[in-house]
C-alpha atoms as a PDB file:
ATOM      1  CA  UNK A   1      62.700  35.654 108.604  1.00  0.00           C
ATOM      2  CA  UNK A   2      61.227  32.881 106.491  1.00  0.00           C
ATOM      3  CA  UNK A   3      60.168  33.056 102.861  1.00  0.00           C
ATOM      4  CA  UNK A   4      58.659  30.988 100.103  1.00  0.00           C
ATOM      5  CA  UNK A   5      57.113  31.461  96.695  1.00  0.00           C
ATOM      6  CA  UNK A   6      53.603  30.933  95.374  1.00  0.00           C
ATOM      7  CA  UNK A   7      52.800  30.556  91.687  1.00  0.00           C
ATOM      8  CA  UNK A   8      49.703  32.573  90.774  1.00  0.00           C
ATOM      9  CA  UNK A   9      47.995  33.802  87.595  1.00  0.00           C
ATOM     10  CA  UNK A  10      49.877  37.126  87.999  1.00  0.00           C
ATOM     11  CA  UNK A  11      53.252  35.422  88.439  1.00  0.00           C
ATOM     12  CA  UNK A  12      55.328  34.085  91.292  1.00  0.00           C
ATOM     13  CA  UNK A  13      54.666  35.913  94.577  1.00  0.00           C
ATOM     14  CA  UNK A  14      57.289  36.087  97.322  1.00  0.00           C
ATOM     15  CA  UNK A  15      55.827  35.552 100.809  1.00  0.00           C
ATOM     16  CA  UNK A  16      57.907  36.520 103.843  1.00  0.00           C
ATOM     17  CA  UNK A  17      57.368  36.564 107.580  1.00  0.00           C
ATOM     18  CA  UNK A  18      58.030  34.611 110.728  1.00  0.00           C
ATOM     19  CA  UNK A  19      56.246  31.878 112.677  1.00  0.00           C
ATOM     20  CA  UNK A  20      53.688  34.398 113.917  1.00  0.00           C
ATOM     21  CA  UNK A  21      52.733  36.646 111.014  1.00  0.00           C
ATOM     22  CA  UNK A  22      53.027  37.461 107.329  1.00  0.00           C
ATOM     23  CA  UNK A  23      55.069  40.630 106.888  1.00  0.00           C
ATOM     24  CA  UNK A  24      55.519  40.880 103.127  1.00  0.00           C
ATOM     25  CA  UNK A  25      54.129  39.854  99.762  1.00  0.00           C
ATOM     26  CA  UNK A  26      56.417  40.688  96.852  1.00  0.00           C
ATOM     27  CA  UNK A  27      55.304  40.919  93.241  1.00  0.00           C
ATOM     28  CA  UNK A  28      57.194  39.265  90.375  1.00  0.00           C
ATOM     29  CA  UNK A  29      57.555  42.648  88.607  1.00  0.00           C
ATOM     30  CA  UNK A  30      57.014  46.362  89.180  1.00  0.00           C
ATOM     31  CA  UNK A  31      58.284  48.639  91.935  1.00  0.00           C
ATOM     32  CA  UNK A  32      57.173  46.186  94.661  1.00  0.00           C
ATOM     33  CA  UNK A  33      59.223  43.336  93.189  1.00  0.00           C
ATOM     34  CA  UNK A  34      61.183  41.811  96.034  1.00  0.00           C
ATOM     35  CA  UNK A  35      63.952  39.270  96.459  1.00  0.00           C
ATOM     36  CA  UNK A  36      64.691  37.327  99.648  1.00  0.00           C
ATOM     37  CA  UNK A  37      67.575  38.702 101.682  1.00  0.00           C
ATOM     38  CA  UNK A  38      70.670  36.546 102.186  1.00  0.00           C
ATOM     39  CA  UNK A  39      69.894  35.713 105.825  1.00  0.00           C
ATOM     40  CA  UNK A  40      66.297  34.623 105.154  1.00  0.00           C
ATOM     41  CA  UNK A  41      65.437  30.923 105.403  1.00  0.00           C
ATOM     42  CA  UNK A  42      63.354  29.158 102.763  1.00  0.00           C
ATOM     43  CA  UNK A  43      60.405  27.360 104.341  1.00  0.00           C
ATOM     44  CA  UNK A  44      56.832  26.860 103.174  1.00  0.00           C
ATOM     45  CA  UNK A  45      55.610  25.752 106.618  1.00  0.00           C
ATOM     46  CA  UNK A  46      54.951  29.228 108.125  1.00  0.00           C
ATOM     47  CA  UNK A  47      52.919  30.136 105.018  1.00  0.00           C
ATOM     48  CA  UNK A  48      50.519  27.193 104.774  1.00  0.00           C
ATOM     49  CA  UNK A  49      47.433  29.304 105.498  1.00  0.00           C
ATOM     50  CA  UNK A  50      48.609  32.239 103.367  1.00  0.00           C
ATOM     51  CA  UNK A  51      49.346  29.983 100.398  1.00  0.00           C
ATOM     52  CA  UNK A  52      45.971  28.251 100.725  1.00  0.00           C
ATOM     53  CA  UNK A  53      44.025  31.504 101.070  1.00  0.00           C
ATOM     54  CA  UNK A  54      45.836  33.192  98.177  1.00  0.00           C
ATOM     55  CA  UNK A  55      45.227  30.131  95.996  1.00  0.00           C
ATOM     56  CA  UNK A  56      41.523  30.296  96.906  1.00  0.00           C
ATOM     57  CA  UNK A  57      41.498  34.042  96.161  1.00  0.00           C
ATOM     58  CA  UNK A  58      43.000  33.540  92.703  1.00  0.00           C
ATOM     59  CA  UNK A  59      40.549  30.682  92.128  1.00  0.00           C
ATOM     60  CA  UNK A  60      37.628  33.020  92.842  1.00  0.00           C
ATOM     61  CA  UNK A  61      36.532  31.171  96.002  1.00  0.00           C
ATOM     62  CA  UNK A  62      37.862  33.606  98.641  1.00  0.00           C
ATOM     63  CA  UNK A  63      36.674  37.189  99.055  1.00  0.00           C
ATOM     64  CA  UNK A  64      38.537  38.068 102.290  1.00  0.00           C
ATOM     65  CA  UNK A  65      41.593  36.881 104.154  1.00  0.00           C
ATOM     66  CA  UNK A  66      41.914  35.586 107.703  1.00  0.00           C
ATOM     67  CA  UNK A  67      45.649  35.767 108.335  1.00  0.00           C
ATOM     68  CA  UNK A  68      47.849  37.235 111.028  1.00  0.00           C
ATOM     69  CA  UNK A  69      49.611  40.207 109.443  1.00  0.00           C
ATOM     70  CA  UNK A  70      52.371  42.448 110.713  1.00  0.00           C
ATOM     71  CA  UNK A  71      52.967  45.294 108.265  1.00  0.00           C
ATOM     72  CA  UNK A  72      55.528  47.918 109.163  1.00  0.00           C
ATOM     73  CA  UNK A  73      55.132  51.657 108.815  1.00  0.00           C
ATOM     74  CA  UNK A  74      54.434  54.907 110.562  1.00  0.00           C
ATOM     75  CA  UNK A  75      51.243  55.414 112.539  1.00  0.00           C
ATOM     76  CA  UNK A  76      49.707  57.228 109.556  1.00  0.00           C
ATOM     77  CA  UNK A  77      50.752  54.483 107.112  1.00  0.00           C
ATOM     78  CA  UNK A  78      49.301  51.803 109.381  1.00  0.00           C
ATOM     79  CA  UNK A  79      46.030  53.788 109.635  1.00  0.00           C
ATOM     80  CA  UNK A  80      45.863  53.837 105.836  1.00  0.00           C
ATOM     81  CA  UNK A  81      46.508  50.072 105.687  1.00  0.00           C
ATOM     82  CA  UNK A  82      43.674  49.478 108.189  1.00  0.00           C
ATOM     83  CA  UNK A  83      41.325  51.458 105.955  1.00  0.00           C
ATOM     84  CA  UNK A  84      42.436  49.506 102.880  1.00  0.00           C
ATOM     85  CA  UNK A  85      41.394  46.290 104.619  1.00  0.00           C
ATOM     86  CA  UNK A  86      37.841  47.651 104.913  1.00  0.00           C
ATOM     87  CA  UNK A  87      37.376  48.062 101.148  1.00  0.00           C
ATOM     88  CA  UNK A  88      34.914  45.359 100.065  1.00  0.00           C
ATOM     89  CA  UNK A  89      35.942  42.745  97.526  1.00  0.00           C
ATOM     90  CA  UNK A  90      35.014  43.745  93.989  1.00  0.00           C
ATOM     91  CA  UNK A  91      34.783  47.473  94.729  1.00  0.00           C
ATOM     92  CA  UNK A  92      37.107  50.436  94.419  1.00  0.00           C
ATOM     93  CA  UNK A  93      37.549  53.687  96.315  1.00  0.00           C
ATOM     94  CA  UNK A  94      39.627  56.783  95.607  1.00  0.00           C
ATOM     95  CA  UNK A  95      42.710  57.997  97.401  1.00  0.00           C
ATOM     96  CA  UNK A  96      40.578  60.945  98.526  1.00  0.00           C
ATOM     97  CA  UNK A  97      38.066  58.526 100.098  1.00  0.00           C
ATOM     98  CA  UNK A  98      40.860  56.920 102.121  1.00  0.00           C
ATOM     99  CA  UNK A  99      42.248  60.325 103.159  1.00  0.00           C
ATOM    100  CA  UNK A 100      38.814  61.252 104.487  1.00  0.00           C
ATOM    101  CA  UNK A 101      38.469  57.920 106.301  1.00  0.00           C
ATOM    102  CA  UNK A 102      41.760  58.451 108.157  1.00  0.00           C
ATOM    103  CA  UNK A 103      40.656  61.953 109.164  1.00  0.00           C
ATOM    104  CA  UNK A 104      43.124  63.770 106.907  1.00  0.00           C
ATOM    105  CA  UNK A 105      41.069  64.860 103.873  1.00  0.00           C
ATOM    106  CA  UNK A 106      43.890  66.986 102.439  1.00  0.00           C
ATOM    107  CA  UNK A 107      46.488  64.225 102.714  1.00  0.00           C
ATOM    108  CA  UNK A 108      45.618  62.577  99.387  1.00  0.00           C
ATOM    109  CA  UNK A 109      49.259  62.420  98.257  1.00  0.00           C
ATOM    110  CA  UNK A 110      50.368  61.004 101.613  1.00  0.00           C
ATOM    111  CA  UNK A 111      47.649  58.349 101.294  1.00  0.00           C
ATOM    112  CA  UNK A 112      48.975  57.552  97.822  1.00  0.00           C
ATOM    113  CA  UNK A 113      52.486  57.176  99.198  1.00  0.00           C
ATOM    114  CA  UNK A 114      51.303  54.961 102.079  1.00  0.00           C
ATOM    115  CA  UNK A 115      49.248  52.897  99.645  1.00  0.00           C
ATOM    116  CA  UNK A 116      52.256  52.543  97.356  1.00  0.00           C
ATOM    117  CA  UNK A 117      54.495  51.179 100.101  1.00  0.00           C
ATOM    118  CA  UNK A 118      51.976  48.599 101.326  1.00  0.00           C
ATOM    119  CA  UNK A 119      54.195  45.635 102.261  1.00  0.00           C
ATOM    120  CA  UNK A 120      51.372  43.076 102.030  1.00  0.00           C
ATOM    121  CA  UNK A 121      49.532  43.814  98.761  1.00  0.00           C
ATOM    122  CA  UNK A 122      46.550  41.720  97.643  1.00  0.00           C
ATOM    123  CA  UNK A 123      45.840  40.655 101.235  1.00  0.00           C
ATOM    124  CA  UNK A 124      45.796  44.339 102.205  1.00  0.00           C
ATOM    125  CA  UNK A 125      43.995  45.334  98.998  1.00  0.00           C
ATOM    126  CA  UNK A 126      45.777  48.471  97.793  1.00  0.00           C
ATOM    127  CA  UNK A 127      44.795  47.477  94.241  1.00  0.00           C
ATOM    128  CA  UNK A 128      41.230  48.589  95.076  1.00  0.00           C
ATOM    129  CA  UNK A 129      42.317  52.236  95.335  1.00  0.00           C
ATOM    130  CA  UNK A 130      42.036  54.318  92.175  1.00  0.00           C
ATOM    131  CA  UNK A 131      42.293  57.957  91.174  1.00  0.00           C
ATOM    132  CA  UNK A 132      39.336  60.301  91.726  1.00  0.00           C
ATOM    133  CA  UNK A 133      38.763  60.340  87.965  1.00  0.00           C
ATOM    134  CA  UNK A 134      38.475  56.541  87.939  1.00  0.00           C
ATOM    135  CA  UNK A 135      41.944  56.092  86.437  1.00  0.00           C
ATOM    136  CA  UNK A 136      44.029  53.108  87.467  1.00  0.00           C
ATOM    137  CA  UNK A 137      46.976  54.979  88.885  1.00  0.00           C
ATOM    138  CA  UNK A 138      50.385  53.593  89.848  1.00  0.00           C
ATOM    139  CA  UNK A 139      50.637  50.181  91.413  1.00  0.00           C
ATOM    140  CA  UNK A 140      53.614  48.335  92.918  1.00  0.00           C
ATOM    141  CA  UNK A 141      52.979  45.254  90.801  1.00  0.00           C
ATOM    142  CA  UNK A 142      52.434  47.291  87.626  1.00  0.00           C
ATOM    143  CA  UNK A 143      49.182  48.488  86.056  1.00  0.00           C
ATOM    144  CA  UNK A 144      48.615  45.179  84.167  1.00  0.00           C
ATOM    145  CA  UNK A 145      48.691  43.357  87.530  1.00  0.00           C
ATOM    146  CA  UNK A 146      46.282  45.877  89.071  1.00  0.00           C
ATOM    147  CA  UNK A 147      43.917  45.395  86.107  1.00  0.00           C
ATOM    148  CA  UNK A 148      44.159  41.609  86.471  1.00  0.00           C
ATOM    149  CA  UNK A 149      43.329  41.716  90.200  1.00  0.00           C
ATOM    150  CA  UNK A 150      40.369  44.057  89.675  1.00  0.00           C
ATOM    151  CA  UNK A 151      39.114  41.939  86.778  1.00  0.00           C
ATOM    152  CA  UNK A 152      39.382  38.776  88.907  1.00  0.00           C
ATOM    153  CA  UNK A 153      37.329  40.379  91.668  1.00  0.00           C
ATOM    154  CA  UNK A 154      34.771  41.852  89.292  1.00  0.00           C
ATOM    155  CA  UNK A 155      34.249  38.477  87.622  1.00  0.00           C
ATOM    156  CA  UNK A 156      33.842  36.693  90.961  1.00  0.00           C
ATOM    157  CA  UNK A 157      31.822  39.202  92.954  1.00  0.00           C
ATOM    158  CA  UNK A 158      28.185  39.977  93.404  1.00  0.00           C
ATOM    159  CA  UNK A 159      27.822  43.729  93.393  1.00  0.00           C
ATOM    160  CA  UNK A 160      27.246  44.864  96.980  1.00  0.00           C
ATOM    161  CA  UNK A 161      27.477  48.638  96.774  1.00  0.00           C
ATOM    162  CA  UNK A 162      30.259  51.180  96.464  1.00  0.00           C
ATOM    163  CA  UNK A 163      32.027  51.814  93.209  1.00  0.00           C
ATOM    164  CA  UNK A 164      32.249  48.841  90.922  1.00  0.00           C
ATOM    165  CA  UNK A 165      35.807  47.758  90.229  1.00  0.00           C
ATOM    166  CA  UNK A 166      37.154  48.963  86.926  1.00  0.00           C
ATOM    167  CA  UNK A 167      38.967  46.198  85.113  1.00  0.00           C
ATOM    168  CA  UNK A 168      39.684  48.306  81.979  1.00  0.00           C
END
Protein backbone atom coordinates (compact mmCIF):
# COMPACT_ATOMS: atom_id res chain seq x y z
CA UNK A 1 0.00 0.00 0.00
CA UNK A 2 1.29 3.43 -0.95
CA UNK A 3 0.44 6.75 0.67
CA UNK A 4 1.12 10.44 0.42
CA UNK A 5 -0.25 13.70 1.73
CA UNK A 6 -1.97 16.62 0.04
CA UNK A 7 -2.23 20.07 1.60
CA UNK A 8 -5.72 21.50 1.11
CA UNK A 9 -7.79 24.37 2.53
CA UNK A 10 -9.31 21.89 5.04
CA UNK A 11 -5.91 20.58 6.14
CA UNK A 12 -3.54 17.83 5.10
CA UNK A 13 -5.33 14.85 3.53
CA UNK A 14 -3.83 11.36 3.62
CA UNK A 15 -4.21 9.50 0.30
CA UNK A 16 -3.67 5.73 0.24
CA UNK A 17 -3.95 3.01 -2.37
CA UNK A 18 -1.93 0.94 -4.77
CA UNK A 19 -0.78 1.29 -8.38
CA UNK A 20 -4.30 0.57 -9.60
CA UNK A 21 -6.73 2.48 -7.39
CA UNK A 22 -7.28 4.94 -4.58
CA UNK A 23 -8.60 3.11 -1.52
CA UNK A 24 -8.60 5.78 1.18
CA UNK A 25 -8.69 9.50 1.86
CA UNK A 26 -8.04 10.40 5.49
CA UNK A 27 -8.97 13.70 7.09
CA UNK A 28 -6.57 15.70 9.27
CA UNK A 29 -9.09 15.64 12.16
CA UNK A 30 -12.38 14.04 13.20
CA UNK A 31 -13.38 10.38 13.39
CA UNK A 32 -12.03 9.68 9.87
CA UNK A 33 -8.55 10.95 10.76
CA UNK A 34 -6.09 8.34 9.56
CA UNK A 35 -2.39 7.65 9.90
CA UNK A 36 -0.33 5.51 7.52
CA UNK A 37 0.35 2.00 8.77
CA UNK A 38 3.94 0.94 9.44
CA UNK A 39 4.22 -1.26 6.33
CA UNK A 40 2.91 1.41 3.93
CA UNK A 41 5.36 3.03 1.50
CA UNK A 42 5.46 6.78 0.95
CA UNK A 43 5.16 7.62 -2.74
CA UNK A 44 3.39 10.44 -4.55
CA UNK A 45 3.61 8.72 -7.95
CA UNK A 46 0.47 6.52 -7.67
CA UNK A 47 -1.54 9.61 -6.65
CA UNK A 48 -0.64 12.07 -9.41
CA UNK A 49 -4.16 12.17 -10.85
CA UNK A 50 -5.85 12.18 -7.43
CA UNK A 51 -3.66 15.03 -6.20
CA UNK A 52 -4.30 17.04 -9.37
CA UNK A 53 -8.06 16.47 -9.31
CA UNK A 54 -8.38 17.25 -5.59
CA UNK A 55 -6.35 20.43 -6.08
CA UNK A 56 -8.69 21.42 -8.93
CA UNK A 57 -11.71 20.60 -6.75
CA UNK A 58 -10.48 22.81 -3.91
CA UNK A 59 -9.68 25.52 -6.46
CA UNK A 60 -13.29 25.46 -7.68
CA UNK A 61 -12.40 24.19 -11.17
CA UNK A 62 -13.50 20.53 -10.80
CA UNK A 63 -17.06 19.41 -10.14
CA UNK A 64 -16.58 15.63 -10.51
CA UNK A 65 -13.76 13.14 -10.24
CA UNK A 66 -12.45 10.67 -12.80
CA UNK A 67 -10.34 8.31 -10.71
CA UNK A 68 -10.14 4.57 -10.26
CA UNK A 69 -11.49 3.86 -6.78
CA UNK A 70 -11.59 0.68 -4.74
CA UNK A 71 -13.56 1.26 -1.54
CA UNK A 72 -14.10 -1.68 0.78
CA UNK A 73 -17.33 -2.63 2.48
CA UNK A 74 -20.31 -4.92 2.48
CA UNK A 75 -22.59 -5.15 -0.53
CA UNK A 76 -25.03 -2.74 1.15
CA UNK A 77 -22.26 -0.26 2.03
CA UNK A 78 -20.94 -0.35 -1.53
CA UNK A 79 -24.49 0.26 -2.86
CA UNK A 80 -24.70 3.33 -0.63
CA UNK A 81 -21.31 4.57 -1.88
CA UNK A 82 -22.49 4.17 -5.50
CA UNK A 83 -25.53 6.31 -4.72
CA UNK A 84 -23.36 8.95 -3.04
CA UNK A 85 -21.38 9.29 -6.27
CA UNK A 86 -24.60 10.24 -8.09
CA UNK A 87 -25.29 13.29 -5.90
CA UNK A 88 -24.63 16.35 -8.07
CA UNK A 89 -21.97 18.86 -7.08
CA UNK A 90 -23.41 21.73 -5.06
CA UNK A 91 -26.51 19.84 -3.92
CA UNK A 92 -27.48 17.85 -0.86
CA UNK A 93 -29.78 14.90 -0.22
CA UNK A 94 -31.02 13.29 2.99
CA UNK A 95 -30.10 9.94 4.44
CA UNK A 96 -33.71 8.94 3.76
CA UNK A 97 -33.25 9.82 0.06
CA UNK A 98 -30.25 7.49 -0.13
CA UNK A 99 -32.12 4.71 1.71
CA UNK A 100 -34.89 4.95 -0.86
CA UNK A 101 -32.40 4.94 -3.74
CA UNK A 102 -30.81 1.70 -2.52
CA UNK A 103 -34.25 0.10 -2.21
CA UNK A 104 -34.26 0.02 1.60
CA UNK A 105 -36.43 2.99 2.64
CA UNK A 106 -36.47 1.97 6.31
CA UNK A 107 -32.69 1.56 6.52
CA UNK A 108 -31.97 5.23 7.22
CA UNK A 109 -29.68 4.45 10.17
CA UNK A 110 -27.81 1.80 8.18
CA UNK A 111 -27.33 4.36 5.39
CA UNK A 112 -25.97 6.78 7.99
CA UNK A 113 -23.53 4.16 9.22
CA UNK A 114 -22.41 3.28 5.68
CA UNK A 115 -22.05 6.97 4.88
CA UNK A 116 -20.00 7.48 8.04
CA UNK A 117 -17.51 4.76 7.17
CA UNK A 118 -16.94 5.97 3.60
CA UNK A 119 -13.22 5.30 3.07
CA UNK A 120 -12.87 7.80 0.21
CA UNK A 121 -14.64 10.99 1.37
CA UNK A 122 -14.78 14.09 -0.84
CA UNK A 123 -14.28 11.99 -3.98
CA UNK A 124 -17.23 9.84 -2.88
CA UNK A 125 -19.17 12.87 -1.62
CA UNK A 126 -20.63 11.78 1.72
CA UNK A 127 -20.50 15.44 2.80
CA UNK A 128 -23.52 16.06 0.52
CA UNK A 129 -25.77 13.95 2.76
CA UNK A 130 -27.67 15.80 5.48
CA UNK A 131 -30.45 15.08 7.95
CA UNK A 132 -34.08 15.17 6.81
CA UNK A 133 -34.54 18.41 8.76
CA UNK A 134 -31.68 20.01 6.82
CA UNK A 135 -29.26 19.71 9.75
CA UNK A 136 -25.60 19.03 9.06
CA UNK A 137 -25.30 15.79 10.96
CA UNK A 138 -22.12 13.93 11.91
CA UNK A 139 -19.21 13.86 9.53
CA UNK A 140 -15.92 11.95 9.66
CA UNK A 141 -13.88 15.10 9.10
CA UNK A 142 -15.90 17.10 11.64
CA UNK A 143 -18.85 19.44 11.07
CA UNK A 144 -16.58 22.47 10.32
CA UNK A 145 -15.01 20.46 7.47
CA UNK A 146 -18.44 19.43 6.16
CA UNK A 147 -19.54 23.09 6.23
CA UNK A 148 -16.36 24.13 4.39
CA UNK A 149 -16.87 21.53 1.64
CA UNK A 150 -20.53 22.47 1.15
CA UNK A 151 -19.65 26.17 1.13
CA UNK A 152 -16.92 25.56 -1.47
CA UNK A 153 -19.37 23.74 -3.73
CA UNK A 154 -22.14 26.29 -3.23
CA UNK A 155 -19.79 29.14 -4.12
CA UNK A 156 -18.54 27.37 -7.25
CA UNK A 157 -21.71 25.80 -8.59
CA UNK A 158 -24.51 26.89 -10.83
CA UNK A 159 -27.73 25.64 -9.31
CA UNK A 160 -28.90 22.65 -11.34
CA UNK A 161 -31.79 21.27 -9.30
CA UNK A 162 -32.15 19.22 -6.15
CA UNK A 163 -31.66 20.71 -2.73
CA UNK A 164 -29.20 23.54 -2.58
CA UNK A 165 -26.21 22.80 -0.38
CA UNK A 166 -26.43 24.32 3.06
CA UNK A 167 -23.17 25.94 4.03
CA UNK A 168 -24.49 27.28 7.39
